[in-house]
Structure formats: C-alpha cells, structure tokens
Amino acid sequence: MRFPQGLSLTEGVLHVADTRNHRIISFDTNLRFIFSFGGKRGSEQGELSFPSGVAVMGSTIYVADSGNDRVQAFPAAPP
C-alpha cells in the first residue's frame, strides 16, 4: 500500500483507501486479502483518483474520491 488513509471495518471486513495506488483494498479479520477495486487513476465511473475515505452502508461501499471531488458507490461484494 502507498499512503493508506481511510478505514472502515464492517462485518469482519476491513476496507482501506490505498490513496496513492488509487484503489480500495479489503481484508478479512486475519488481514488476508479478499479483493480490491480501482487501481487505475482516472475520472471515469469506477476509476479513482487519490481516494481518502471509505464507508460501508448495507451492501454499498462509499468512497471519498478526493482527486475527482466526488463520492462514488460500489457493491460491497467483489465485482
């Protein structure tokens, strides 16, 4: 990870905003990798630019996409 910033722990899954890698990474309670999304810096739907925060509500992951001045929503399950 490069500059991990925002964290969210929900139902045993830790989501981390990996800011300088432009992605969200998810781990289980033993810190084993589950899935990630993003990873390509951009402004199209699904792309992230310096994500700084992450929150989970229900089955949706909300990402503070700081470099694009927006909040994006993603399904909580791996795509």
PDB file of N, CA and C in Angstrom:
ATOM      1  N   MET A   1       0.837  -1.174   0.000  1.00  0.00           N
ATOM      2  CA  MET A   1       0.000   0.000   0.000  1.00  0.00           C
ATOM      3  C   MET A   1       0.885   1.241   0.000  1.00  0.00           C
ATOM      4  N   ARG A   2       0.349   2.268  -0.596  1.00  0.00           N
ATOM      5  CA  ARG A   2       1.032   3.561  -0.618  1.00  0.00           C
ATOM      6  C   ARG A   2       0.093   4.614  -0.053  1.00  0.00           C
ATOM      7  N   PHE A   3       0.398   5.065   1.130  1.00  0.00           N
ATOM      8  CA  PHE A   3      -0.362   6.086   1.848  1.00  0.00           C
ATOM      9  C   PHE A   3      -1.792   5.632   2.147  1.00  0.00           C
ATOM     10  N   PRO A   4      -1.938   4.534   2.927  1.00  0.00           N
ATOM     11  CA  PRO A   4      -3.283   4.128   3.340  1.00  0.00           C
ATOM     12  C   PRO A   4      -3.879   5.215   4.222  1.00  0.00           C
ATOM     13  N   GLN A   5      -5.156   5.520   3.987  1.00  0.00           N
ATOM     14  CA  GLN A   5      -5.732   6.663   4.676  1.00  0.00           C
ATOM     15  C   GLN A   5      -7.037   6.298   5.372  1.00  0.00           C
ATOM     16  N   GLY A   6      -8.126   6.178   4.654  1.00  0.00           N
ATOM     17  CA  GLY A   6      -9.415   5.896   5.273  1.00  0.00           C
ATOM     18  C   GLY A   6      -9.599   4.419   5.538  1.00  0.00           C
ATOM     19  N   LEU A   7     -10.262   4.104   6.664  1.00  0.00           N
ATOM     20  CA  LEU A   7     -10.528   2.720   7.038  1.00  0.00           C
ATOM     21  C   LEU A   7     -12.002   2.553   7.375  1.00  0.00           C
ATOM     22  N   SER A   8     -12.525   1.359   7.101  1.00  0.00           N
ATOM     23  CA  SER A   8     -13.873   1.008   7.513  1.00  0.00           C
ATOM     24  C   SER A   8     -13.878  -0.471   7.875  1.00  0.00           C
ATOM     25  N   LEU A   9     -14.348  -0.793   9.068  1.00  0.00           N
ATOM     26  CA  LEU A   9     -14.461  -2.181   9.496  1.00  0.00           C
ATOM     27  C   LEU A   9     -15.941  -2.494   9.643  1.00  0.00           C
ATOM     28  N   THR A  10     -16.433  -3.395   8.798  1.00  0.00           N
ATOM     29  CA  THR A  10     -17.846  -3.741   8.783  1.00  0.00           C
ATOM     30  C   THR A  10     -18.004  -5.241   8.612  1.00  0.00           C
ATOM     31  N   GLU A  11     -18.702  -5.865   9.542  1.00  0.00           N
ATOM     32  CA  GLU A  11     -18.991  -7.295   9.472  1.00  0.00           C
ATOM     33  C   GLU A  11     -17.736  -8.124   9.206  1.00  0.00           C
ATOM     34  N   GLY A  12     -16.659  -7.811   9.890  1.00  0.00           N
ATOM     35  CA  GLY A  12     -15.432  -8.586   9.771  1.00  0.00           C
ATOM     36  C   GLY A  12     -14.604  -8.315   8.534  1.00  0.00           C
ATOM     37  N   VAL A  13     -14.943  -7.286   7.787  1.00  0.00           N
ATOM     38  CA  VAL A  13     -14.167  -6.933   6.594  1.00  0.00           C
ATOM     39  C   VAL A  13     -13.600  -5.529   6.785  1.00  0.00           C
ATOM     40  N   LEU A  14     -12.276  -5.414   6.636  1.00  0.00           N
ATOM     41  CA  LEU A  14     -11.601  -4.128   6.739  1.00  0.00           C
ATOM     42  C   LEU A  14     -11.370  -3.592   5.335  1.00  0.00           C
ATOM     43  N   HIS A  15     -11.905  -2.416   5.051  1.00  0.00           N
ATOM     44  CA  HIS A  15     -11.712  -1.747   3.763  1.00  0.00           C
ATOM     45  C   HIS A  15     -10.736  -0.590   3.987  1.00  0.00           C
ATOM     46  N   VAL A  16      -9.734  -0.486   3.133  1.00  0.00           N
ATOM     47  CA  VAL A  16      -8.691   0.528   3.273  1.00  0.00           C
ATOM     48  C   VAL A  16      -8.600   1.344   1.993  1.00  0.00           C
ATOM     49  N   ALA A  17      -8.607   2.666   2.139  1.00  0.00           N
ATOM     50  CA  ALA A  17      -8.369   3.551   0.995  1.00  0.00           C
ATOM     51  C   ALA A  17      -6.865   3.626   0.777  1.00  0.00           C
ATOM     52  N   ASP A  18      -6.383   2.960  -0.251  1.00  0.00           N
ATOM     53  CA  ASP A  18      -4.959   2.942  -0.622  1.00  0.00           C
ATOM     54  C   ASP A  18      -4.736   4.133  -1.553  1.00  0.00           C
ATOM     55  N   THR A  19      -4.555   5.289  -0.944  1.00  0.00           N
ATOM     56  CA  THR A  19      -4.649   6.570  -1.636  1.00  0.00           C
ATOM     57  C   THR A  19      -3.749   6.703  -2.859  1.00  0.00           C
ATOM     58  N   ARG A  20      -2.482   6.441  -2.724  1.00  0.00           N
ATOM     59  CA  ARG A  20      -1.568   6.691  -3.846  1.00  0.00           C
ATOM     60  C   ARG A  20      -1.551   5.569  -4.876  1.00  0.00           C
ATOM     61  N   ASN A  21      -2.231   4.465  -4.579  1.00  0.00           N
ATOM     62  CA  ASN A  21      -2.414   3.418  -5.587  1.00  0.00           C
ATOM     63  C   ASN A  21      -3.805   3.507  -6.210  1.00  0.00           C
ATOM     64  N   HIS A  22      -4.589   4.500  -5.797  1.00  0.00           N
ATOM     65  CA  HIS A  22      -5.890   4.800  -6.404  1.00  0.00           C
ATOM     66  C   HIS A  22      -6.832   3.601  -6.359  1.00  0.00           C
ATOM     67  N   ARG A  23      -6.912   2.953  -5.178  1.00  0.00           N
ATOM     68  CA  ARG A  23      -7.750   1.768  -5.066  1.00  0.00           C
ATOM     69  C   ARG A  23      -8.249   1.593  -3.641  1.00  0.00           C
ATOM     70  N   ILE A  24      -9.204   0.698  -3.492  1.00  0.00           N
ATOM     71  CA  ILE A  24      -9.694   0.251  -2.203  1.00  0.00           C
ATOM     72  C   ILE A  24      -9.301  -1.216  -2.078  1.00  0.00           C
ATOM     73  N   ILE A  25      -8.738  -1.590  -0.924  1.00  0.00           N
ATOM     74  CA  ILE A  25      -8.345  -2.972  -0.666  1.00  0.00           C
ATOM     75  C   ILE A  25      -9.159  -3.474   0.516  1.00  0.00           C
ATOM     76  N   SER A  26      -9.632  -4.716   0.433  1.00  0.00           N
ATOM     77  CA  SER A  26     -10.417  -5.308   1.513  1.00  0.00           C
ATOM     78  C   SER A  26      -9.713  -6.541   2.066  1.00  0.00           C
ATOM     79  N   PHE A  27      -9.749  -6.656   3.398  1.00  0.00           N
ATOM     80  CA  PHE A  27      -9.094  -7.748   4.113  1.00  0.00           C
ATOM     81  C   PHE A  27     -10.073  -8.403   5.079  1.00  0.00           C
ATOM     82  N   ASP A  28      -9.815  -9.669   5.422  1.00  0.00           N
ATOM     83  CA  ASP A  28     -10.621 -10.319   6.449  1.00  0.00           C
ATOM     84  C   ASP A  28     -10.044  -9.988   7.827  1.00  0.00           C
ATOM     85  N   THR A  29     -10.592 -10.575   8.880  1.00  0.00           N
ATOM     86  CA  THR A  29     -10.150 -10.252  10.239  1.00  0.00           C
ATOM     87  C   THR A  29      -8.732 -10.726  10.542  1.00  0.00           C
ATOM     88  N   ASN A  30      -8.184 -11.594   9.722  1.00  0.00           N
ATOM     89  CA  ASN A  30      -6.789 -12.024   9.878  1.00  0.00           C
ATOM     90  C   ASN A  30      -5.856 -11.259   8.947  1.00  0.00           C
ATOM     91  N   LEU A  31      -6.375 -10.169   8.372  1.00  0.00           N
ATOM     92  CA  LEU A  31      -5.643  -9.308   7.436  1.00  0.00           C
ATOM     93  C   LEU A  31      -5.204 -10.037   6.176  1.00  0.00           C
ATOM     94  N   ARG A  32      -5.983 -11.025   5.766  1.00  0.00           N
ATOM     95  CA  ARG A  32      -5.754 -11.695   4.477  1.00  0.00           C
ATOM     96  C   ARG A  32      -6.544 -10.952   3.412  1.00  0.00           C
ATOM     97  N   PHE A  33      -5.917 -10.763   2.277  1.00  0.00           N
ATOM     98  CA  PHE A  33      -6.529 -10.071   1.137  1.00  0.00           C
ATOM     99  C   PHE A  33      -7.815 -10.775   0.709  1.00  0.00           C
ATOM    100  N   ILE A  34      -8.875  -9.987   0.488  1.00  0.00           N
ATOM    101  CA  ILE A  34     -10.126 -10.520  -0.054  1.00  0.00           C
ATOM    102  C   ILE A  34     -10.298 -10.057  -1.501  1.00  0.00           C
ATOM    103  N   PHE A  35     -10.339  -8.726  -1.707  1.00  0.00           N
ATOM    104  CA  PHE A  35     -10.471  -8.177  -3.058  1.00  0.00           C
ATOM    105  C   PHE A  35     -10.069  -6.712  -3.041  1.00  0.00           C
ATOM    106  N   SER A  36      -9.911  -6.164  -4.238  1.00  0.00           N
ATOM    107  CA  SER A  36      -9.654  -4.733  -4.366  1.00  0.00           C
ATOM    108  C   SER A  36     -10.371  -4.231  -5.610  1.00  0.00           C
ATOM    109  N   PHE A  37     -10.540  -2.931  -5.672  1.00  0.00           N
ATOM    110  CA  PHE A  37     -11.082  -2.327  -6.892  1.00  0.00           C
ATOM    111  C   PHE A  37     -10.478  -0.950  -7.053  1.00  0.00           C
ATOM    112  N   GLY A  38     -10.594  -0.420  -8.265  1.00  0.00           N
ATOM    113  CA  GLY A  38      -9.890   0.805  -8.620  1.00  0.00           C
ATOM    114  C   GLY A  38      -8.523   0.402  -9.156  1.00  0.00           C
ATOM    115  N   GLY A  39      -7.518   1.166  -8.814  1.00  0.00           N
ATOM    116  CA  GLY A  39      -6.155   0.830  -9.223  1.00  0.00           C
ATOM    117  C   GLY A  39      -5.689   1.568 -10.459  1.00  0.00           C
ATOM    118  N   LYS A  40      -6.620   2.099 -11.211  1.00  0.00           N
ATOM    119  CA  LYS A  40      -6.251   2.895 -12.381  1.00  0.00           C
ATOM    120  C   LYS A  40      -6.719   4.317 -12.115  1.00  0.00           C
ATOM    121  N   ARG A  41      -5.789   5.240 -12.036  1.00  0.00           N
ATOM    122  CA  ARG A  41      -6.155   6.628 -11.772  1.00  0.00           C
ATOM    123  C   ARG A  41      -6.939   7.178 -12.951  1.00  0.00           C
ATOM    124  N   GLY A  42      -8.081   7.756 -12.648  1.00  0.00           N
ATOM    125  CA  GLY A  42      -8.888   8.341 -13.699  1.00  0.00           C
ATOM    126  C   GLY A  42     -10.138   8.982 -13.151  1.00  0.00           C
ATOM    127  N   SER A  43     -10.952   9.492 -14.060  1.00  0.00           N
ATOM    128  CA  SER A  43     -12.173  10.179 -13.651  1.00  0.00           C
ATOM    129  C   SER A  43     -13.431   9.530 -14.213  1.00  0.00           C
ATOM    130  N   GLU A  44     -13.274   8.431 -14.922  1.00  0.00           N
ATOM    131  CA  GLU A  44     -14.448   7.722 -15.429  1.00  0.00           C
ATOM    132  C   GLU A  44     -15.126   6.980 -14.278  1.00  0.00           C
ATOM    133  N   GLN A  45     -16.361   6.560 -14.503  1.00  0.00           N
ATOM    134  CA  GLN A  45     -17.085   5.802 -13.492  1.00  0.00           C
ATOM    135  C   GLN A  45     -16.281   4.554 -13.114  1.00  0.00           C
ATOM    136  N   GLY A  46     -16.072   4.323 -11.825  1.00  0.00           N
ATOM    137  CA  GLY A  46     -15.320   3.171 -11.361  1.00  0.00           C
ATOM    138  C   GLY A  46     -13.835   3.416 -11.197  1.00  0.00           C
ATOM    139  N   GLU A  47     -13.324   4.480 -11.766  1.00  0.00           N
ATOM    140  CA  GLU A  47     -11.921   4.829 -11.586  1.00  0.00           C
ATOM    141  C   GLU A  47     -11.798   5.779 -10.402  1.00  0.00           C
ATOM    142  N   LEU A  48     -10.664   5.737  -9.724  1.00  0.00           N
ATOM    143  CA  LEU A  48     -10.440   6.570  -8.555  1.00  0.00           C
ATOM    144  C   LEU A  48      -9.201   7.436  -8.739  1.00  0.00           C
ATOM    145  N   SER A  49      -9.197   8.562  -8.036  1.00  0.00           N
ATOM    146  CA  SER A  49      -8.041   9.444  -8.022  1.00  0.00           C
ATOM    147  C   SER A  49      -7.814   9.898  -6.586  1.00  0.00           C
ATOM    148  N   PHE A  50      -6.823   9.325  -5.946  1.00  0.00           N
ATOM    149  CA  PHE A  50      -6.465   9.630  -4.569  1.00  0.00           C
ATOM    150  C   PHE A  50      -7.640   9.467  -3.598  1.00  0.00           C
ATOM    151  N   PRO A  51      -8.209   8.258  -3.509  1.00  0.00           N
ATOM    152  CA  PRO A  51      -9.302   8.051  -2.555  1.00  0.00           C
ATOM    153  C   PRO A  51      -8.802   8.272  -1.127  1.00  0.00           C
ATOM    154  N   SER A  52      -9.600   8.978  -0.323  1.00  0.00           N
ATOM    155  CA  SER A  52      -9.135   9.322   1.022  1.00  0.00           C
ATOM    156  C   SER A  52     -10.015   8.761   2.131  1.00  0.00           C
ATOM    157  N   GLY A  53     -11.178   8.272   1.786  1.00  0.00           N
ATOM    158  CA  GLY A  53     -12.071   7.741   2.808  1.00  0.00           C
ATOM    159  C   GLY A  53     -12.934   6.639   2.245  1.00  0.00           C
ATOM    160  N   VAL A  54     -13.401   5.779   3.142  1.00  0.00           N
ATOM    161  CA  VAL A  54     -14.248   4.666   2.736  1.00  0.00           C
ATOM    162  C   VAL A  54     -15.238   4.387   3.866  1.00  0.00           C
ATOM    163  N   ALA A  55     -16.482   4.110   3.497  1.00  0.00           N
ATOM    164  CA  ALA A  55     -17.518   3.767   4.466  1.00  0.00           C
ATOM    165  C   ALA A  55     -18.439   2.737   3.837  1.00  0.00           C
ATOM    166  N   VAL A  56     -18.998   1.884   4.669  1.00  0.00           N
ATOM    167  CA  VAL A  56     -19.916   0.858   4.178  1.00  0.00           C
ATOM    168  C   VAL A  56     -21.271   1.063   4.827  1.00  0.00           C
ATOM    169  N   MET A  57     -22.298   1.032   3.992  1.00  0.00           N
ATOM    170  CA  MET A  57     -23.667   1.113   4.483  1.00  0.00           C
ATOM    171  C   MET A  57     -24.474   0.060   3.737  1.00  0.00           C
ATOM    172  N   GLY A  58     -24.961  -0.923   4.460  1.00  0.00           N
ATOM    173  CA  GLY A  58     -25.691  -2.005   3.817  1.00  0.00           C
ATOM    174  C   GLY A  58     -24.773  -2.772   2.892  1.00  0.00           C
ATOM    175  N   SER A  59     -25.179  -2.891   1.642  1.00  0.00           N
ATOM    176  CA  SER A  59     -24.374  -3.635   0.660  1.00  0.00           C
ATOM    177  C   SER A  59     -23.624  -2.703  -0.282  1.00  0.00           C
ATOM    178  N   THR A  60     -23.356  -1.479   0.166  1.00  0.00           N
ATOM    179  CA  THR A  60     -22.692  -0.486  -0.678  1.00  0.00           C
ATOM    180  C   THR A  60     -21.451   0.070   0.020  1.00  0.00           C
ATOM    181  N   ILE A  61     -20.353   0.170  -0.741  1.00  0.00           N
ATOM    182  CA  ILE A  61     -19.125   0.807  -0.263  1.00  0.00           C
ATOM    183  C   ILE A  61     -19.086   2.213  -0.873  1.00  0.00           C
ATOM    184  N   TYR A  62     -18.991   3.212  -0.019  1.00  0.00           N
ATOM    185  CA  TYR A  62     -18.895   4.601  -0.470  1.00  0.00           C
ATOM    186  C   TYR A  62     -17.445   5.043  -0.347  1.00  0.00           C
ATOM    187  N   VAL A  63     -16.937   5.658  -1.402  1.00  0.00           N
ATOM    188  CA  VAL A  63     -15.527   6.072  -1.444  1.00  0.00           C
ATOM    189  C   VAL A  63     -15.443   7.579  -1.658  1.00  0.00           C
ATOM    190  N   ALA A  64     -14.725   8.255  -0.769  1.00  0.00           N
ATOM    191  CA  ALA A  64     -14.418   9.671  -0.962  1.00  0.00           C
ATOM    192  C   ALA A  64     -13.288   9.738  -1.983  1.00  0.00           C
ATOM    193  N   ASP A  65     -13.650  10.055  -3.211  1.00  0.00           N
ATOM    194  CA  ASP A  65     -12.731  10.089  -4.352  1.00  0.00           C
ATOM    195  C   ASP A  65     -12.164  11.507  -4.448  1.00  0.00           C
ATOM    196  N   SER A  66     -11.197  11.810  -3.594  1.00  0.00           N
ATOM    197  CA  SER A  66     -10.722  13.182  -3.395  1.00  0.00           C
ATOM    198  C   SER A  66     -10.196  13.856  -4.644  1.00  0.00           C
ATOM    199  N   GLY A  67      -9.431  13.142  -5.444  1.00  0.00           N
ATOM    200  CA  GLY A  67      -8.852  13.739  -6.647  1.00  0.00           C
ATOM    201  C   GLY A  67      -9.886  14.124  -7.689  1.00  0.00           C
ATOM    202  N   ASN A  68     -11.080  13.542  -7.590  1.00  0.00           N
ATOM    203  CA  ASN A  68     -12.161  13.860  -8.526  1.00  0.00           C
ATOM    204  C   ASN A  68     -13.287  14.658  -7.866  1.00  0.00           C
ATOM    205  N   ASP A  69     -13.097  15.054  -6.599  1.00  0.00           N
ATOM    206  CA  ASP A  69     -14.097  15.849  -5.875  1.00  0.00           C
ATOM    207  C   ASP A  69     -15.479  15.226  -5.920  1.00  0.00           C
ATOM    208  N   ARG A  70     -15.564  13.925  -5.576  1.00  0.00           N
ATOM    209  CA  ARG A  70     -16.848  13.236  -5.607  1.00  0.00           C
ATOM    210  C   ARG A  70     -16.849  12.064  -4.631  1.00  0.00           C
ATOM    211  N   VAL A  71     -18.025  11.520  -4.416  1.00  0.00           N
ATOM    212  CA  VAL A  71     -18.183  10.273  -3.674  1.00  0.00           C
ATOM    213  C   VAL A  71     -18.739   9.261  -4.659  1.00  0.00           C
ATOM    214  N   GLN A  72     -18.125   8.087  -4.710  1.00  0.00           N
ATOM    215  CA  GLN A  72     -18.610   7.023  -5.597  1.00  0.00           C
ATOM    216  C   GLN A  72     -19.143   5.873  -4.752  1.00  0.00           C
ATOM    217  N   ALA A  73     -20.107   5.145  -5.307  1.00  0.00           N
ATOM    218  CA  ALA A  73     -20.691   3.999  -4.631  1.00  0.00           C
ATOM    219  C   ALA A  73     -20.370   2.730  -5.419  1.00  0.00           C
ATOM    220  N   PHE A  74     -20.008   1.663  -4.693  1.00  0.00           N
ATOM    221  CA  PHE A  74     -19.652   0.382  -5.295  1.00  0.00           C
ATOM    222  C   PHE A  74     -20.353  -0.737  -4.520  1.00  0.00           C
ATOM    223  N   PRO A  75     -20.639  -1.873  -5.156  1.00  0.00           N
ATOM    224  CA  PRO A  75     -21.202  -3.017  -4.419  1.00  0.00           C
ATOM    225  C   PRO A  75     -20.182  -3.537  -3.402  1.00  0.00           C
ATOM    226  N   ALA A  76     -20.661  -3.971  -2.237  1.00  0.00           N
ATOM    227  CA  ALA A  76     -19.760  -4.428  -1.184  1.00  0.00           C
ATOM    228  C   ALA A  76     -19.134  -5.782  -1.497  1.00  0.00           C
ATOM    229  N   ALA A  77     -19.729  -6.547  -2.378  1.00  0.00           N
ATOM    230  CA  ALA A  77     -19.158  -7.849  -2.771  1.00  0.00           C
ATOM    231  C   ALA A  77     -18.166  -7.618  -3.900  1.00  0.00           C
ATOM    232  N   PRO A  78     -17.181  -8.507  -4.016  1.00  0.00           N
ATOM    233  CA  PRO A  78     -16.225  -8.351  -5.126  1.00  0.00           C
ATOM    234  C   PRO A  78     -16.945  -8.361  -6.468  1.00  0.00           C
ATOM    235  N   PRO A  79     -16.516  -7.481  -7.394  1.00  0.00           N
ATOM    236  CA  PRO A  79     -17.170  -7.443  -8.717  1.00  0.00           C
ATOM    237  C   PRO A  79     -16.952  -8.709  -9.520  1.00  0.00           C
TER     238      PRO A  79
END
